[in-house]
Protein backbone atom coordinates (compact mmCIF):
# COMPACT_ATOMS: atom_id res chain seq x y z
CA MET A 1 24.50 26.89 -1.20
CA THR A 2 20.85 27.33 -1.21
CA THR A 3 19.15 24.22 -2.91
CA ALA A 4 15.39 25.14 -3.11
CA GLN A 5 15.50 24.10 -6.78
CA ALA A 6 18.94 22.75 -6.92
CA LEU A 7 18.69 19.50 -4.99
CA PRO A 8 16.81 16.95 -7.19
CA SER A 9 17.35 14.02 -4.68
CA GLU A 10 15.13 11.73 -6.71
CA ARG A 11 17.30 12.32 -9.84
CA VAL A 12 20.47 11.60 -7.73
CA SER A 13 18.86 8.56 -6.23
CA ALA A 14 17.70 7.24 -9.67
CA TYR A 15 21.29 7.77 -10.98
CA LEU A 16 22.77 5.75 -8.11
CA ARG A 17 20.25 2.92 -8.40
CA SER A 18 21.14 2.68 -12.14
CA LEU A 19 24.80 2.66 -11.10
CA GLN A 20 24.37 -0.19 -8.73
CA ALA A 21 22.51 -2.15 -11.40
CA ARG A 22 25.09 -1.67 -13.97
CA ILE A 23 28.04 -2.56 -11.75
CA THR A 24 26.47 -5.79 -10.29
CA GLY A 25 25.16 -6.82 -13.71
CA ALA A 26 28.74 -6.62 -15.15
CA ILE A 27 30.25 -8.56 -12.14
CA ALA A 28 27.47 -11.22 -12.29
CA ASP A 29 28.19 -11.67 -15.84
CA LEU A 30 31.99 -12.01 -15.31
CA ASP A 31 31.61 -14.48 -12.25
CA GLY A 32 28.85 -16.52 -13.64
CA SER A 33 26.85 -16.20 -10.23
CA ALA A 34 23.90 -14.11 -9.42
CA PHE A 35 23.70 -11.42 -6.62
CA LEU A 36 21.20 -11.77 -3.98
CA THR A 37 19.01 -8.64 -4.04
CA ASP A 38 17.71 -7.60 -0.59
CA PRO A 39 15.51 -4.45 -0.56
CA TRP A 40 15.08 -3.13 2.75
CA GLN A 41 13.24 -0.27 4.51
CA LYS A 42 13.62 1.16 7.96
CA PRO A 43 10.67 0.23 10.16
CA ALA A 44 8.14 3.03 11.14
CA GLY A 45 9.08 4.45 14.44
CA GLU A 46 12.81 4.29 14.10
CA THR A 47 14.68 7.56 14.27
CA LEU A 48 16.44 6.83 10.73
CA GLN A 49 14.00 6.58 7.91
CA GLY A 50 14.36 5.57 4.35
CA GLN A 51 15.27 2.41 2.09
CA GLY A 52 17.79 0.73 0.10
CA ILE A 53 18.88 -2.21 -1.71
CA THR A 54 21.73 -4.49 -0.72
CA GLN A 55 23.18 -6.75 -3.31
CA ILE A 56 25.72 -9.52 -2.43
CA LEU A 57 27.35 -12.41 -4.20
CA GLU A 58 28.94 -15.06 -2.05
CA GLY A 59 31.01 -18.13 -2.96
CA GLY A 60 31.27 -17.12 -6.68
CA ALA A 61 33.98 -18.61 -9.03
CA VAL A 62 35.73 -15.16 -9.23
CA PHE A 63 34.47 -13.33 -6.16
CA GLU A 64 34.45 -14.86 -2.57
CA ARG A 65 32.34 -12.14 -1.59
CA ALA A 66 31.15 -9.09 -3.52
CA GLY A 67 28.76 -6.38 -1.84
CA CYS A 68 27.26 -3.43 -3.36
CA GLY A 69 24.61 -1.34 -1.51
CA PHE A 70 22.44 1.54 -2.31
CA SER A 71 20.81 3.60 0.55
CA HIS A 72 18.67 6.58 0.69
CA VAL A 73 17.86 7.83 4.18
CA THR A 74 16.64 10.88 6.37
CA GLY A 75 17.42 11.56 9.97
CA PRO A 76 16.59 14.25 12.58
CA SER A 77 20.42 14.81 13.37
CA LEU A 78 23.71 14.49 11.57
CA PRO A 79 26.05 12.17 13.41
CA PRO A 80 29.50 13.33 14.49
CA SER A 81 31.32 11.54 11.66
CA ALA A 82 29.64 13.91 9.13
CA THR A 83 30.33 17.20 10.93
CA GLN A 84 34.07 16.87 11.56
CA HIS A 85 34.53 19.69 8.99
CA ARG A 86 31.06 21.34 9.25
CA PRO A 87 30.41 22.06 12.89
CA GLU A 88 27.96 24.68 12.09
CA LEU A 89 25.69 21.65 11.10
CA SER A 90 26.12 19.62 14.22
CA GLY A 91 22.77 18.14 15.02
CA ALA A 92 21.04 19.20 11.89
CA PRO A 93 18.39 17.00 10.09
CA PHE A 94 19.82 15.32 6.96
CA GLU A 95 19.26 13.39 3.79
CA ALA A 96 21.98 11.12 2.58
CA MET A 97 22.25 8.61 -0.36
CA GLY A 98 24.93 6.57 -1.92
CA VAL A 99 26.20 3.52 -3.53
CA SER A 100 29.27 1.67 -1.77
CA LEU A 101 30.90 -1.43 -2.86
CA VAL A 102 33.71 -3.68 -1.80
CA PHE A 103 34.71 -6.94 -3.81
CA HIS A 104 36.82 -9.51 -2.33
CA PRO A 105 38.18 -11.90 -5.08
CA ARG A 106 38.86 -15.45 -4.57
CA ASN A 107 42.37 -15.47 -6.30
CA PRO A 108 44.99 -13.63 -4.23
CA TYR A 109 46.51 -12.20 -7.39
CA VAL A 110 43.26 -10.28 -7.94
CA PRO A 111 43.09 -7.11 -5.54
CA THR A 112 40.24 -6.19 -3.65
CA VAL A 113 38.54 -3.04 -4.62
CA HIS A 114 36.31 -0.35 -2.77
CA MET A 115 34.20 2.46 -4.31
CA ASN A 116 31.77 4.72 -3.17
CA VAL A 117 29.78 7.76 -4.42
CA ARG A 118 27.28 9.65 -2.12
CA MET A 119 25.51 12.95 -1.59
CA ILE A 120 24.53 14.42 1.81
CA SER A 121 22.20 17.40 2.35
CA ALA A 122 21.19 19.19 5.64
CA LYS A 123 19.42 22.17 6.90
CA GLY A 124 21.52 24.48 8.96
CA ARG A 125 20.49 26.69 12.00
CA ASP A 126 19.74 29.68 9.75
CA GLY A 127 17.30 27.50 7.62
CA ALA A 128 19.45 27.34 4.58
CA GLU A 129 19.84 23.87 2.98
CA VAL A 130 23.16 22.74 1.95
CA CYS A 131 24.46 19.78 0.12
CA TRP A 132 27.87 18.17 -0.60
CA PHE A 133 29.22 15.06 -2.30
CA GLY A 134 31.88 12.40 -1.62
CA GLY A 135 33.31 9.44 -3.08
CA GLY A 136 36.16 7.64 -4.72
CA MET A 137 37.71 4.33 -5.31
CA ASP A 138 40.86 2.58 -4.06
CA LEU A 139 42.76 -0.85 -4.89
CA THR A 140 44.14 -3.01 -2.39
CA PRO A 141 46.37 -5.76 -3.94
CA TYR A 142 47.75 -8.73 -1.89
CA TYR A 143 50.43 -9.21 -4.67
CA GLY A 144 51.66 -6.01 -6.29
CA PHE A 145 51.70 -5.45 -10.10
CA GLU A 146 52.90 -2.20 -11.54
CA ASP A 147 50.80 -2.25 -14.66
CA ASP A 148 47.58 -2.92 -12.46
CA ALA A 149 48.26 0.05 -10.25
CA VAL A 150 49.10 2.35 -13.26
CA HIS A 151 45.89 1.34 -15.10
CA PHE A 152 43.77 2.02 -12.10
CA HIS A 153 45.29 5.47 -11.36
CA GLN A 154 45.09 6.47 -15.08
CA THR A 155 41.47 5.65 -15.19
CA CYS A 156 40.76 7.85 -12.23
CA GLN A 157 42.76 10.57 -13.59
CA SER A 158 40.84 10.48 -17.02
CA ALA A 159 37.53 10.54 -15.26
CA LEU A 160 38.52 13.71 -13.27
CA GLN A 161 40.33 15.60 -15.85
CA PRO A 162 37.26 17.49 -17.32
CA PHE A 163 36.84 19.00 -13.83
CA GLY A 164 40.05 20.66 -13.62
CA ASP A 165 43.84 19.68 -13.73
CA ASP A 166 44.00 19.89 -9.99
CA LYS A 167 41.37 17.26 -9.08
CA TYR A 168 43.25 13.89 -9.66
CA PRO A 169 46.52 15.11 -7.79
CA ARG A 170 44.56 16.63 -4.88
CA PHE A 171 42.15 13.50 -4.59
CA LYS A 172 45.07 10.96 -5.05
CA THR A 173 46.75 12.62 -2.13
CA TRP A 174 43.72 12.74 -0.12
CA CYS A 175 43.08 9.02 -0.72
CA ASP A 176 46.67 8.26 0.33
CA GLU A 177 46.16 10.22 3.37
CA TYR A 178 42.61 8.77 4.17
CA PHE A 179 43.24 5.06 3.46
CA CYS A 180 46.06 4.63 5.93
CA LEU A 181 46.10 2.50 9.06
CA LYS A 182 47.64 5.12 11.36
CA HIS A 183 47.87 2.77 14.25
CA ARG A 184 50.27 0.75 11.89
CA ASN A 185 51.66 3.63 10.02
CA GLU A 186 50.89 1.61 6.79
CA GLN A 187 48.79 2.33 3.54
CA ARG A 188 45.86 0.03 2.96
CA GLY A 189 46.71 -0.49 -0.70
CA VAL A 190 47.94 1.50 -3.84
CA GLY A 191 45.32 4.10 -3.27
CA GLY A 192 43.31 5.81 -6.05
CA VAL A 193 41.09 8.93 -5.49
CA PHE A 194 38.99 10.03 -2.50
CA PHE A 195 36.98 13.27 -1.85
CA ASP A 196 34.48 14.39 0.75
CA ASP A 197 32.53 17.39 1.67
CA PHE A 198 32.75 18.58 -1.91
CA SER A 199 30.52 21.27 -3.40
CA GLU A 200 32.93 23.92 -4.65
CA LEU A 201 32.01 23.58 -8.20
CA GLY A 202 28.43 24.21 -7.51
CA PHE A 203 25.59 21.64 -7.54
CA GLU A 204 25.41 20.46 -11.08
CA PRO A 205 29.13 20.29 -11.88
CA SER A 206 29.88 18.81 -8.45
CA LEU A 207 27.21 16.04 -9.20
CA ALA A 208 28.70 15.50 -12.58
CA MET A 209 32.13 14.93 -11.03
CA MET A 210 30.57 12.41 -8.61
CA GLN A 211 29.07 10.55 -11.62
CA ALA A 212 32.15 10.55 -13.63
CA VAL A 213 33.87 8.63 -10.70
CA GLY A 214 31.09 6.24 -10.43
CA ASP A 215 30.82 5.73 -14.11
CA SER A 216 34.55 4.98 -14.45
CA PHE A 217 34.70 2.18 -11.91
CA LEU A 218 34.11 -0.71 -14.11
CA SER A 219 36.76 0.57 -16.56
CA ALA A 220 39.23 0.90 -13.63
CA TYR A 221 38.70 -2.56 -12.16
CA LEU A 222 37.66 -5.07 -14.71
CA PRO A 223 40.52 -5.20 -16.79
CA ILE A 224 42.67 -5.93 -13.64
CA VAL A 225 40.28 -8.85 -12.83
CA LEU A 226 40.44 -10.36 -16.28
CA ARG A 227 44.26 -10.04 -16.28
CA ARG A 228 44.88 -11.85 -12.89
CA LYS A 229 41.80 -14.17 -12.05
CA ASP A 230 43.35 -17.29 -13.67
CA THR A 231 46.80 -17.09 -12.17
CA PRO A 232 47.72 -20.32 -10.36
CA TYR A 233 48.16 -19.89 -6.60
CA GLY A 234 48.77 -22.14 -3.77
CA GLU A 235 48.38 -22.29 0.03
CA ARG A 236 51.17 -19.73 0.58
CA GLU A 237 49.50 -17.25 -1.31
CA ARG A 238 46.00 -17.90 0.15
CA ALA A 239 47.52 -17.68 3.55
CA PHE A 240 48.99 -14.18 2.78
CA GLN A 241 45.76 -13.07 1.30
CA LEU A 242 43.71 -13.90 4.52
CA TYR A 243 46.54 -12.20 6.64
CA ARG A 244 46.23 -9.02 4.64
CA ARG A 245 42.47 -9.09 4.56
CA GLY A 246 42.85 -8.49 8.41
CA ARG A 247 44.25 -4.98 7.45
CA TYR A 248 41.02 -4.24 5.68
CA VAL A 249 39.02 -5.07 8.50
CA GLU A 250 41.06 -3.09 10.81
CA PHE A 251 40.72 -0.03 8.76
CA ASN A 252 37.08 -0.26 8.01
CA LEU A 253 36.11 -0.77 11.78
CA VAL A 254 38.60 1.62 13.40
CA TRP A 255 39.07 4.53 10.72
CA ASP A 256 36.48 4.42 8.06
CA ARG A 257 34.04 7.55 8.30
CA GLY A 258 31.40 5.78 6.06
CA THR A 259 31.17 2.88 8.43
CA HIS A 260 31.11 5.21 11.45
CA PHE A 261 28.28 7.36 9.90
CA GLY A 262 26.21 4.29 9.16
CA LEU A 263 26.55 2.87 12.45
CA GLN A 264 26.24 6.28 14.48
CA SER A 265 23.05 7.31 12.43
CA GLY A 266 21.14 4.03 13.14
CA GLY A 267 21.72 2.48 9.75
CA ARG A 268 21.28 -1.21 8.96
CA SER A 269 24.23 -3.04 10.25
CA GLU A 270 23.87 -6.04 8.00
CA SER A 271 24.19 -3.63 4.89
CA ILE A 272 26.90 -1.37 6.42
CA LEU A 273 29.19 -4.32 7.18
CA LEU A 274 28.82 -6.03 3.77
CA SER A 275 32.47 -4.93 3.10
CA MET A 276 33.66 -7.49 5.56
CA PRO A 277 35.75 -10.33 3.96
CA PRO A 278 34.27 -13.75 4.35
CA LEU A 279 37.40 -15.30 5.69
CA VAL A 280 40.35 -13.52 7.44
CA SER A 281 43.29 -14.17 9.70
CA TRP A 282 45.67 -12.49 12.06
CA ALA A 283 49.16 -13.30 13.20
CA TYR A 284 51.44 -11.90 15.77
CA GLN A 285 54.17 -9.79 14.32
CA GLN A 286 54.37 -11.65 11.03
CA VAL A 287 57.33 -10.32 8.95
CA ALA A 288 57.57 -11.13 5.35
CA VAL A 289 60.78 -12.73 4.11
CA PRO A 290 63.14 -10.50 2.16
CA GLY A 291 63.16 -10.98 -1.52
CA THR A 292 59.79 -12.47 -1.59
CA PRO A 293 56.59 -11.20 -3.52
CA GLU A 294 55.21 -10.78 -0.13
CA ALA A 295 58.06 -8.52 1.01
CA ALA A 296 57.66 -6.46 -2.31
CA LEU A 297 54.05 -5.62 -1.54
CA TYR A 298 55.33 -3.66 1.64
CA SER A 299 58.49 -2.10 0.03
CA ASP A 300 57.20 -1.15 -3.44
CA PHE A 301 53.37 -1.04 -3.20
CA LEU A 302 52.04 -0.16 0.38
CA VAL A 303 53.95 3.22 0.04
CA ARG A 304 52.98 6.55 -1.08
CA ARG A 305 54.18 7.03 -4.73
CA GLU A 306 53.13 8.52 -8.12
CA TRP A 307 51.54 6.04 -10.46
CA VAL A 308 50.97 8.35 -13.41
């Protein structure tokens, strides 16, 4: 789409900064700990230009590590991870902005969560400027609870309903397909919604849809945290949590397009990797004992299924 007057990047950037502030404010209130706020700017002379705000909470009462980053950057050439579905834009100058978060809870009964909303624009070889949106959220439990998964998916469905009956089932399937550890043939969690390269509604409705996803995040996740954060646990649950966090690391480093985009475009590594958990473990061919809650995670929750 041509975007001479339809690409108000400052308005989108202001929304994203506001979203980051709202989310980190709510999480800080819940945890009782403050986020470290680290504004950054790419030094002059570097290929990638721009700035951002990294906010991170570490060692909290509820969250062992919670990172939420905003970035707004420009570059001379779109990296390969952004042009898989748009080969005509290979090598095009671009502008990208977004908010991305991953929250790793302390209690193994509270699931890890990821959310990202973003906009990318680029100028094609014909001089026309195009833009598209991406985003979504997904839930990664260590111990599965049906009502948590149902609530999370119902909130996602409600957020997308105004934009068409097809959006939730379509983006839910997309999420299931994307957040899959293909090298293990294993889902990362219970999913949620995911969309990318999205502009089919036109600029304003597509932007509104992205905002609806971002605005629904706290409603999707906080009730689950409040329900589970005081559940008693011991060494067994903690050990399983750390083991399952290994899968999270594997996905982010091997498969995640957002991580690849940031690193390939010369982004700020410390901010890109804020999704990494503080502690993690691996074990060789660990198999859950049948009949245990750990086994139920694999059989009942790390599978593609309908939640609403």
